Amino acid sequence: MLYRCNFEYLKHYRLWDEEVVVYHPPSGSTHRLNILAHDLLRLLDTPKSEEKLTELLTQCYAENTKAELSSAIATTLNFLLESGLLHKQPESTIQSQ
């Protein structure tokens, strides 16, 4: 399964130190995100798997073990999906385009 961000929503965000605030126009909700969520959203300009995201962020989060980072990414992806900031895309739709 691949994840993808709707970049229209990132027009409505602000970054302060270690915190990000994103406005989600369809729901009218504003979400406070940590820097990991921000990094994930920025990487998802094209669909990527959870494994690829972990690989890309390993160097940025070198203070964490790969298992810790993988767990944090999974938790954050679930939150972003529930908030409507991300959506899942089957890999087969990418290959058939």
PDB file of N, CA and C in Angstrom:
ATOM      1  N   MET A   1       0.837  -1.176   0.000  1.00  0.00           N
ATOM      2  CA  MET A   1       0.000   0.000   0.000  1.00  0.00           C
ATOM      3  C   MET A   1       0.887   1.247   0.000  1.00  0.00           C
ATOM      4  N   LEU A   2       0.480   2.214  -0.771  1.00  0.00           N
ATOM      5  CA  LEU A   2       1.208   3.474  -0.849  1.00  0.00           C
ATOM      6  C   LEU A   2       0.404   4.579  -0.173  1.00  0.00           C
ATOM      7  N   TYR A   3       1.110   5.588   0.283  1.00  0.00           N
ATOM      8  CA  TYR A   3       0.488   6.747   0.916  1.00  0.00           C
ATOM      9  C   TYR A   3       0.763   7.968   0.059  1.00  0.00           C
ATOM     10  N   ARG A   4      -0.189   8.902   0.063  1.00  0.00           N
ATOM     11  CA  ARG A   4      -0.023  10.137  -0.707  1.00  0.00           C
ATOM     12  C   ARG A   4      -0.710  11.279   0.021  1.00  0.00           C
ATOM     13  N   CYS A   5      -0.089  12.442  -0.058  1.00  0.00           N
ATOM     14  CA  CYS A   5      -0.621  13.651   0.561  1.00  0.00           C
ATOM     15  C   CYS A   5      -1.363  14.472  -0.488  1.00  0.00           C
ATOM     16  N   ASN A   6      -2.448  15.106  -0.079  1.00  0.00           N
ATOM     17  CA  ASN A   6      -3.112  16.083  -0.928  1.00  0.00           C
ATOM     18  C   ASN A   6      -2.450  17.427  -0.646  1.00  0.00           C
ATOM     19  N   PHE A   7      -1.624  17.887  -1.564  1.00  0.00           N
ATOM     20  CA  PHE A   7      -0.833  19.088  -1.316  1.00  0.00           C
ATOM     21  C   PHE A   7      -1.658  20.360  -1.264  1.00  0.00           C
ATOM     22  N   GLU A   8      -2.907  20.309  -1.671  1.00  0.00           N
ATOM     23  CA  GLU A   8      -3.779  21.473  -1.505  1.00  0.00           C
ATOM     24  C   GLU A   8      -3.877  21.853  -0.032  1.00  0.00           C
ATOM     25  N   TYR A   9      -3.831  20.852   0.840  1.00  0.00           N
ATOM     26  CA  TYR A   9      -3.957  21.115   2.274  1.00  0.00           C
ATOM     27  C   TYR A   9      -2.710  21.775   2.835  1.00  0.00           C
ATOM     28  N   LEU A  10      -1.566  21.531   2.217  1.00  0.00           N
ATOM     29  CA  LEU A  10      -0.325  22.101   2.743  1.00  0.00           C
ATOM     30  C   LEU A  10      -0.170  23.579   2.405  1.00  0.00           C
ATOM     31  N   LYS A  11      -1.112  24.119   1.655  1.00  0.00           N
ATOM     32  CA  LYS A  11      -1.135  25.568   1.450  1.00  0.00           C
ATOM     33  C   LYS A  11      -1.558  26.269   2.733  1.00  0.00           C
ATOM     34  N   HIS A  12      -2.148  25.503   3.625  1.00  0.00           N
ATOM     35  CA  HIS A  12      -2.712  26.041   4.856  1.00  0.00           C
ATOM     36  C   HIS A  12      -1.960  25.510   6.067  1.00  0.00           C
ATOM     37  N   TYR A  13      -0.651  25.717   6.121  1.00  0.00           N
ATOM     38  CA  TYR A  13       0.097  25.232   7.280  1.00  0.00           C
ATOM     39  C   TYR A  13       1.137  26.245   7.720  1.00  0.00           C
ATOM     40  N   ARG A  14       1.515  26.139   8.985  1.00  0.00           N
ATOM     41  CA  ARG A  14       2.567  26.978   9.562  1.00  0.00           C
ATOM     42  C   ARG A  14       3.482  26.098  10.396  1.00  0.00           C
ATOM     43  N   LEU A  15       4.763  26.401  10.360  1.00  0.00           N
ATOM     44  CA  LEU A  15       5.779  25.634  11.082  1.00  0.00           C
ATOM     45  C   LEU A  15       6.461  26.538  12.091  1.00  0.00           C
ATOM     46  N   TRP A  16       6.488  26.089  13.349  1.00  0.00           N
ATOM     47  CA  TRP A  16       7.200  26.778  14.420  1.00  0.00           C
ATOM     48  C   TRP A  16       8.084  25.757  15.118  1.00  0.00           C
ATOM     49  N   ASP A  17       9.375  25.949  15.092  1.00  0.00           N
ATOM     50  CA  ASP A  17      10.327  25.070  15.775  1.00  0.00           C
ATOM     51  C   ASP A  17       9.982  23.604  15.548  1.00  0.00           C
ATOM     52  N   GLU A  18       9.434  22.943  16.564  1.00  0.00           N
ATOM     53  CA  GLU A  18       9.147  21.499  16.495  1.00  0.00           C
ATOM     54  C   GLU A  18       7.655  21.197  16.337  1.00  0.00           C
ATOM     55  N   GLU A  19       6.862  22.178  15.927  1.00  0.00           N
ATOM     56  CA  GLU A  19       5.421  21.981  15.823  1.00  0.00           C
ATOM     57  C   GLU A  19       4.900  22.560  14.515  1.00  0.00           C
ATOM     58  N   VAL A  20       3.924  21.871  13.962  1.00  0.00           N
ATOM     59  CA  VAL A  20       3.309  22.292  12.710  1.00  0.00           C
ATOM     60  C   VAL A  20       1.798  22.356  12.926  1.00  0.00           C
ATOM     61  N   VAL A  21       1.167  23.362  12.359  1.00  0.00           N
ATOM     62  CA  VAL A  21      -0.284  23.472  12.397  1.00  0.00           C
ATOM     63  C   VAL A  21      -0.776  23.431  10.953  1.00  0.00           C
ATOM     64  N   VAL A  22      -1.717  22.516  10.675  1.00  0.00           N
ATOM     65  CA  VAL A  22      -2.256  22.346   9.326  1.00  0.00           C
ATOM     66  C   VAL A  22      -3.768  22.496   9.389  1.00  0.00           C
ATOM     67  N   TYR A  23      -4.298  23.317   8.498  1.00  0.00           N
ATOM     68  CA  TYR A  23      -5.743  23.469   8.366  1.00  0.00           C
ATOM     69  C   TYR A  23      -6.220  22.519   7.275  1.00  0.00           C
ATOM     70  N   HIS A  24      -7.263  21.757   7.567  1.00  0.00           N
ATOM     71  CA  HIS A  24      -7.835  20.790   6.627  1.00  0.00           C
ATOM     72  C   HIS A  24      -9.162  21.359   6.123  1.00  0.00           C
ATOM     73  N   PRO A  25      -9.179  21.993   4.943  1.00  0.00           N
ATOM     74  CA  PRO A  25     -10.380  22.671   4.459  1.00  0.00           C
ATOM     75  C   PRO A  25     -11.653  21.818   4.384  1.00  0.00           C
ATOM     76  N   PRO A  26     -11.603  20.562   3.901  1.00  0.00           N
ATOM     77  CA  PRO A  26     -12.852  19.801   3.808  1.00  0.00           C
ATOM     78  C   PRO A  26     -13.572  19.599   5.144  1.00  0.00           C
ATOM     79  N   SER A  27     -12.817  19.418   6.227  1.00  0.00           N
ATOM     80  CA  SER A  27     -13.449  19.184   7.531  1.00  0.00           C
ATOM     81  C   SER A  27     -13.553  20.453   8.360  1.00  0.00           C
ATOM     82  N   GLY A  28     -12.772  21.479   7.995  1.00  0.00           N
ATOM     83  CA  GLY A  28     -12.733  22.697   8.800  1.00  0.00           C
ATOM     84  C   GLY A  28     -11.891  22.551  10.051  1.00  0.00           C
ATOM     85  N   SER A  29     -11.157  21.445  10.157  1.00  0.00           N
ATOM     86  CA  SER A  29     -10.346  21.174  11.348  1.00  0.00           C
ATOM     87  C   SER A  29      -8.929  21.700  11.183  1.00  0.00           C
ATOM     88  N   THR A  30      -8.351  22.098  12.303  1.00  0.00           N
ATOM     89  CA  THR A  30      -6.949  22.474  12.359  1.00  0.00           C
ATOM     90  C   THR A  30      -6.234  21.425  13.195  1.00  0.00           C
ATOM     91  N   HIS A  31      -5.110  20.925  12.696  1.00  0.00           N
ATOM     92  CA  HIS A  31      -4.375  19.853  13.364  1.00  0.00           C
ATOM     93  C   HIS A  31      -2.999  20.336  13.787  1.00  0.00           C
ATOM     94  N   ARG A  32      -2.632  20.046  15.033  1.00  0.00           N
ATOM     95  CA  ARG A  32      -1.270  20.282  15.521  1.00  0.00           C
ATOM     96  C   ARG A  32      -0.482  19.008  15.286  1.00  0.00           C
ATOM     97  N   LEU A  33       0.618  19.130  14.563  1.00  0.00           N
ATOM     98  CA  LEU A  33       1.426  17.972  14.203  1.00  0.00           C
ATOM     99  C   LEU A  33       2.837  18.129  14.731  1.00  0.00           C
ATOM    100  N   ASN A  34       3.492  17.007  14.948  1.00  0.00           N
ATOM    101  CA  ASN A  34       4.912  17.067  15.314  1.00  0.00           C
ATOM    102  C   ASN A  34       5.754  17.147  14.043  1.00  0.00           C
ATOM    103  N   ILE A  35       7.035  17.290  14.217  1.00  0.00           N
ATOM    104  CA  ILE A  35       7.927  17.476  13.071  1.00  0.00           C
ATOM    105  C   ILE A  35       8.008  16.218  12.199  1.00  0.00           C
ATOM    106  N   LEU A  36       7.833  15.036  12.785  1.00  0.00           N
ATOM    107  CA  LEU A  36       7.817  13.806  11.989  1.00  0.00           C
ATOM    108  C   LEU A  36       6.641  13.828  11.014  1.00  0.00           C
ATOM    109  N   ALA A  37       5.472  14.231  11.478  1.00  0.00           N
ATOM    110  CA  ALA A  37       4.304  14.321  10.597  1.00  0.00           C
ATOM    111  C   ALA A  37       4.571  15.300   9.459  1.00  0.00           C
ATOM    112  N   HIS A  38       5.183  16.409   9.782  1.00  0.00           N
ATOM    113  CA  HIS A  38       5.536  17.394   8.756  1.00  0.00           C
ATOM    114  C   HIS A  38       6.491  16.781   7.730  1.00  0.00           C
ATOM    115  N   ASP A  39       7.513  16.087   8.204  1.00  0.00           N
ATOM    116  CA  ASP A  39       8.475  15.455   7.298  1.00  0.00           C
ATOM    117  C   ASP A  39       7.797  14.426   6.400  1.00  0.00           C
ATOM    118  N   LEU A  40       6.888  13.646   6.963  1.00  0.00           N
ATOM    119  CA  LEU A  40       6.165  12.654   6.164  1.00  0.00           C
ATOM    120  C   LEU A  40       5.324  13.330   5.086  1.00  0.00           C
ATOM    121  N   LEU A  41       4.591  14.365   5.456  1.00  0.00           N
ATOM    122  CA  LEU A  41       3.757  15.057   4.476  1.00  0.00           C
ATOM    123  C   LEU A  41       4.595  15.625   3.333  1.00  0.00           C
ATOM    124  N   ARG A  42       5.726  16.181   3.653  1.00  0.00           N
ATOM    125  CA  ARG A  42       6.589  16.773   2.624  1.00  0.00           C
ATOM    126  C   ARG A  42       7.162  15.699   1.683  1.00  0.00           C
ATOM    127  N   LEU A  43       7.406  14.503   2.199  1.00  0.00           N
ATOM    128  CA  LEU A  43       7.936  13.418   1.366  1.00  0.00           C
ATOM    129  C   LEU A  43       6.876  12.794   0.461  1.00  0.00           C
ATOM    130  N   LEU A  44       5.619  13.013   0.791  1.00  0.00           N
ATOM    131  CA  LEU A  44       4.552  12.326   0.073  1.00  0.00           C
ATOM    132  C   LEU A  44       4.001  13.136  -1.097  1.00  0.00           C
ATOM    133  N   ASP A  45       4.878  13.863  -1.781  1.00  0.00           N
ATOM    134  CA  ASP A  45       4.480  14.545  -3.011  1.00  0.00           C
ATOM    135  C   ASP A  45       4.223  13.527  -4.120  1.00  0.00           C
ATOM    136  N   THR A  46       4.836  12.364  -3.984  1.00  0.00           N
ATOM    137  CA  THR A  46       4.543  11.222  -4.841  1.00  0.00           C
ATOM    138  C   THR A  46       4.243  10.046  -3.917  1.00  0.00           C
ATOM    139  N   PRO A  47       3.441   9.087  -4.365  1.00  0.00           N
ATOM    140  CA  PRO A  47       3.098   7.961  -3.499  1.00  0.00           C
ATOM    141  C   PRO A  47       4.333   7.183  -3.059  1.00  0.00           C
ATOM    142  N   LYS A  48       4.345   6.834  -1.779  1.00  0.00           N
ATOM    143  CA  LYS A  48       5.457   6.059  -1.224  1.00  0.00           C
ATOM    144  C   LYS A  48       4.916   5.055  -0.211  1.00  0.00           C
ATOM    145  N   SER A  49       5.636   3.949  -0.079  1.00  0.00           N
ATOM    146  CA  SER A  49       5.277   2.933   0.910  1.00  0.00           C
ATOM    147  C   SER A  49       5.820   3.329   2.277  1.00  0.00           C
ATOM    148  N   GLU A  50       5.301   2.694   3.294  1.00  0.00           N
ATOM    149  CA  GLU A  50       5.801   2.915   4.655  1.00  0.00           C
ATOM    150  C   GLU A  50       7.282   2.540   4.746  1.00  0.00           C
ATOM    151  N   GLU A  51       7.663   1.477   4.067  1.00  0.00           N
ATOM    152  CA  GLU A  51       9.063   1.042   4.077  1.00  0.00           C
ATOM    153  C   GLU A  51       9.973   2.094   3.440  1.00  0.00           C
ATOM    154  N   LYS A  52       9.532   2.670   2.322  1.00  0.00           N
ATOM    155  CA  LYS A  52      10.327   3.695   1.643  1.00  0.00           C
ATOM    156  C   LYS A  52      10.445   4.943   2.519  1.00  0.00           C
ATOM    157  N   LEU A  53       9.370   5.315   3.188  1.00  0.00           N
ATOM    158  CA  LEU A  53       9.410   6.479   4.077  1.00  0.00           C
ATOM    159  C   LEU A  53      10.395   6.252   5.216  1.00  0.00           C
ATOM    160  N   THR A  54      10.388   5.047   5.776  1.00  0.00           N
ATOM    161  CA  THR A  54      11.337   4.718   6.849  1.00  0.00           C
ATOM    162  C   THR A  54      12.764   4.819   6.330  1.00  0.00           C
ATOM    163  N   GLU A  55      12.994   4.287   5.154  1.00  0.00           N
ATOM    164  CA  GLU A  55      14.332   4.351   4.551  1.00  0.00           C
ATOM    165  C   GLU A  55      14.783   5.805   4.355  1.00  0.00           C
ATOM    166  N   LEU A  56      13.893   6.645   3.852  1.00  0.00           N
ATOM    167  CA  LEU A  56      14.241   8.041   3.583  1.00  0.00           C
ATOM    168  C   LEU A  56      14.496   8.850   4.852  1.00  0.00           C
ATOM    169  N   LEU A  57      13.803   8.496   5.930  1.00  0.00           N
ATOM    170  CA  LEU A  57      13.921   9.278   7.166  1.00  0.00           C
ATOM    171  C   LEU A  57      14.956   8.735   8.143  1.00  0.00           C
ATOM    172  N   THR A  58      15.529   7.581   7.862  1.00  0.00           N
ATOM    173  CA  THR A  58      16.490   6.969   8.782  1.00  0.00           C
ATOM    174  C   THR A  58      17.657   7.897   9.091  1.00  0.00           C
ATOM    175  N   GLN A  59      18.199   8.568   8.104  1.00  0.00           N
ATOM    176  CA  GLN A  59      19.333   9.464   8.346  1.00  0.00           C
ATOM    177  C   GLN A  59      18.921  10.706   9.132  1.00  0.00           C
ATOM    178  N   CYS A  60      17.740  11.223   8.866  1.00  0.00           N
ATOM    179  CA  CYS A  60      17.271  12.429   9.572  1.00  0.00           C
ATOM    180  C   CYS A  60      17.001  12.156  11.047  1.00  0.00           C
ATOM    181  N   TYR A  61      16.620  10.934  11.355  1.00  0.00           N
ATOM    182  CA  TYR A  61      16.275  10.560  12.726  1.00  0.00           C
ATOM    183  C   TYR A  61      17.254   9.501  13.229  1.00  0.00           C
ATOM    184  N   ALA A  62      18.524   9.751  13.045  1.00  0.00           N
ATOM    185  CA  ALA A  62      19.574   8.785  13.392  1.00  0.00           C
ATOM    186  C   ALA A  62      19.623   8.466  14.881  1.00  0.00           C
ATOM    187  N   GLU A  63      19.071   9.338  15.717  1.00  0.00           N
ATOM    188  CA  GLU A  63      19.085   9.085  17.164  1.00  0.00           C
ATOM    189  C   GLU A  63      18.115   7.965  17.558  1.00  0.00           C
ATOM    190  N   ASN A  64      17.218   7.594  16.656  1.00  0.00           N
ATOM    191  CA  ASN A  64      16.264   6.517  16.912  1.00  0.00           C
ATOM    192  C   ASN A  64      16.721   5.237  16.224  1.00  0.00           C
ATOM    193  N   THR A  65      16.380   4.091  16.822  1.00  0.00           N
ATOM    194  CA  THR A  65      16.633   2.831  16.134  1.00  0.00           C
ATOM    195  C   THR A  65      15.644   2.720  14.978  1.00  0.00           C
ATOM    196  N   LYS A  66      15.946   1.856  14.037  1.00  0.00           N
ATOM    197  CA  LYS A  66      15.045   1.670  12.899  1.00  0.00           C
ATOM    198  C   LYS A  66      13.675   1.182  13.373  1.00  0.00           C
ATOM    199  N   ALA A  67      13.656   0.319  14.384  1.00  0.00           N
ATOM    200  CA  ALA A  67      12.389  -0.186  14.921  1.00  0.00           C
ATOM    201  C   ALA A  67      11.577   0.943  15.557  1.00  0.00           C
ATOM    202  N   GLU A  68      12.245   1.813  16.315  1.00  0.00           N
ATOM    203  CA  GLU A  68      11.552   2.954  16.936  1.00  0.00           C
ATOM    204  C   GLU A  68      10.997   3.894  15.867  1.00  0.00           C
ATOM    205  N   LEU A  69      11.811   4.178  14.865  1.00  0.00           N
ATOM    206  CA  LEU A  69      11.378   5.068  13.791  1.00  0.00           C
ATOM    207  C   LEU A  69      10.223   4.456  13.010  1.00  0.00           C
ATOM    208  N   SER A  70      10.324   3.181  12.697  1.00  0.00           N
ATOM    209  CA  SER A  70       9.266   2.495  11.965  1.00  0.00           C
ATOM    210  C   SER A  70       7.948   2.537  12.732  1.00  0.00           C
ATOM    211  N   SER A  71       8.009   2.328  14.031  1.00  0.00           N
ATOM    212  CA  SER A  71       6.811   2.383  14.873  1.00  0.00           C
ATOM    213  C   SER A  71       6.225   3.794  14.899  1.00  0.00           C
ATOM    214  N   ALA A  72       7.080   4.791  15.035  1.00  0.00           N
ATOM    215  CA  ALA A  72       6.619   6.185  15.058  1.00  0.00           C
ATOM    216  C   ALA A  72       6.003   6.576  13.718  1.00  0.00           C
ATOM    217  N   ILE A  73       6.597   6.115  12.634  1.00  0.00           N
ATOM    218  CA  ILE A  73       6.054   6.412  11.309  1.00  0.00           C
ATOM    219  C   ILE A  73       4.688   5.763  11.139  1.00  0.00           C
ATOM    220  N   ALA A  74       4.546   4.505  11.529  1.00  0.00           N
ATOM    221  CA  ALA A  74       3.256   3.811  11.413  1.00  0.00           C
ATOM    222  C   ALA A  74       2.172   4.537  12.203  1.00  0.00           C
ATOM    223  N   THR A  75       2.482   4.931  13.427  1.00  0.00           N
ATOM    224  CA  THR A  75       1.521   5.651  14.267  1.00  0.00           C
ATOM    225  C   THR A  75       1.142   6.983  13.635  1.00  0.00           C
ATOM    226  N   THR A  76       2.137   7.697  13.128  1.00  0.00           N
ATOM    227  CA  THR A  76       1.894   9.008  12.532  1.00  0.00           C
ATOM    228  C   THR A  76       1.104   8.888  11.235  1.00  0.00           C
ATOM    229  N   LEU A  77       1.412   7.895  10.411  1.00  0.00           N
ATOM    230  CA  LEU A  77       0.649   7.687   9.183  1.00  0.00           C
ATOM    231  C   LEU A  77      -0.818   7.404   9.495  1.00  0.00           C
ATOM    232  N   ASN A  78      -1.076   6.585  10.512  1.00  0.00           N
ATOM    233  CA  ASN A  78      -2.465   6.305  10.898  1.00  0.00           C
ATOM    234  C   ASN A  78      -3.184   7.573  11.329  1.00  0.00           C
ATOM    235  N   PHE A  79      -2.515   8.414  12.113  1.00  0.00           N
ATOM    236  CA  PHE A  79      -3.121   9.678  12.534  1.00  0.00           C
ATOM    237  C   PHE A  79      -3.415  10.564  11.320  1.00  0.00           C
ATOM    238  N   LEU A  80      -2.464  10.659  10.400  1.00  0.00           N
ATOM    239  CA  LEU A  80      -2.654  11.500   9.217  1.00  0.00           C
ATOM    240  C   LEU A  80      -3.773  10.970   8.323  1.00  0.00           C
ATOM    241  N   LEU A  81      -3.916   9.650   8.235  1.00  0.00           N
ATOM    242  CA  LEU A  81      -5.030   9.060   7.487  1.00  0.00           C
ATOM    243  C   LEU A  81      -6.360   9.405   8.139  1.00  0.00           C
ATOM    244  N   GLU A  82      -6.433   9.227   9.457  1.00  0.00           N
ATOM    245  CA  GLU A  82      -7.667   9.518  10.190  1.00  0.00           C
ATOM    246  C   GLU A  82      -8.050  10.990  10.101  1.00  0.00           C
ATOM    247  N   SER A  83      -7.066  11.862  10.027  1.00  0.00           N
ATOM    248  CA  SER A  83      -7.339  13.299   9.961  1.00  0.00           C
ATOM    249  C   SER A  83      -7.686  13.757   8.544  1.00  0.00           C
ATOM    250  N   GLY A  84      -7.515  12.883   7.559  1.00  0.00           N
ATOM    251  CA  GLY A  84      -7.840  13.222   6.181  1.00  0.00           C
ATOM    252  C   GLY A  84      -6.720  13.910   5.416  1.00  0.00           C
ATOM    253  N   LEU A  85      -5.553  14.042   6.031  1.00  0.00           N
ATOM    254  CA  LEU A  85      -4.435  14.712   5.365  1.00  0.00           C
ATOM    255  C   LEU A  85      -3.694  13.801   4.391  1.00  0.00           C
ATOM    256  N   LEU A  86      -3.889  12.498   4.532  1.00  0.00           N
ATOM    257  CA  LEU A  86      -3.281  11.498   3.641  1.00  0.00           C
ATOM    258  C   LEU A  86      -4.367  10.583   3.120  1.00  0.00           C
ATOM    259  N   HIS A  87      -4.059   9.903   2.045  1.00  0.00           N
ATOM    260  CA  HIS A  87      -4.917   8.806   1.610  1.00  0.00           C
ATOM    261  C   HIS A  87      -4.041   7.656   1.132  1.00  0.00           C
ATOM    262  N   LYS A  88      -4.629   6.468   1.150  1.00  0.00           N
ATOM    263  CA  LYS A  88      -3.929   5.269   0.687  1.00  0.00           C
ATOM    264  C   LYS A  88      -4.211   5.084  -0.796  1.00  0.00           C
ATOM    265  N   GLN A  89      -3.235   4.503  -1.456  1.00  0.00           N
ATOM    266  CA  GLN A  89      -3.352   4.248  -2.881  1.00  0.00           C
ATOM    267  C   GLN A  89      -2.751   2.879  -3.158  1.00  0.00           C
ATOM    268  N   PRO A  90      -3.519   1.962  -3.734  1.00  0.00           N
ATOM    269  CA  PRO A  90      -2.958   0.647  -4.048  1.00  0.00           C
ATOM    270  C   PRO A  90      -1.798   0.776  -5.030  1.00  0.00           C
ATOM    271  N   GLU A  91      -0.777  -0.039  -4.846  1.00  0.00           N
ATOM    272  CA  GLU A  91       0.395   0.017  -5.724  1.00  0.00           C
ATOM    273  C   GLU A  91       0.032  -0.278  -7.169  1.00  0.00           C
ATOM    274  N   SER A  92      -0.973  -1.090  -7.398  1.00  0.00           N
ATOM    275  CA  SER A  92      -1.351  -1.457  -8.764  1.00  0.00           C
ATOM    276  C   SER A  92      -1.818  -0.249  -9.568  1.00  0.00           C
ATOM    277  N   THR A  93      -2.371   0.786  -8.926  1.00  0.00           N
ATOM    278  CA  THR A  93      -2.816   1.963  -9.669  1.00  0.00           C
ATOM    279  C   THR A  93      -1.636   2.760 -10.196  1.00  0.00           C
ATOM    280  N   ILE A  94      -0.498   2.697  -9.518  1.00  0.00           N
ATOM    281  CA  ILE A  94       0.703   3.393  -9.978  1.00  0.00           C
ATOM    282  C   ILE A  94       1.298   2.658 -11.173  1.00  0.00           C
ATOM    283  N   GLN A  95       1.355   1.333 -11.074  1.00  0.00           N
ATOM    284  CA  GLN A  95       1.976   0.536 -12.123  1.00  0.00           C
ATOM    285  C   GLN A  95       1.172   0.568 -13.413  1.00  0.00           C
ATOM    286  N   SER A  96      -0.152   0.732 -13.317  1.00  0.00           N
ATOM    287  CA  SER A  96      -0.991   0.697 -14.511  1.00  0.00           C
ATOM    288  C   SER A  96      -1.096   2.046 -15.204  1.00  0.00           C
ATOM    289  N   GLN A  97      -0.552   3.098 -14.613  1.00  0.00           N
ATOM    290  CA  GLN A  97      -0.662   4.431 -15.224  1.00  0.00           C
ATOM    291  C   GLN A  97       0.379   4.646 -16.287  1.00  0.00           C
TER     292      GLN A  97
END
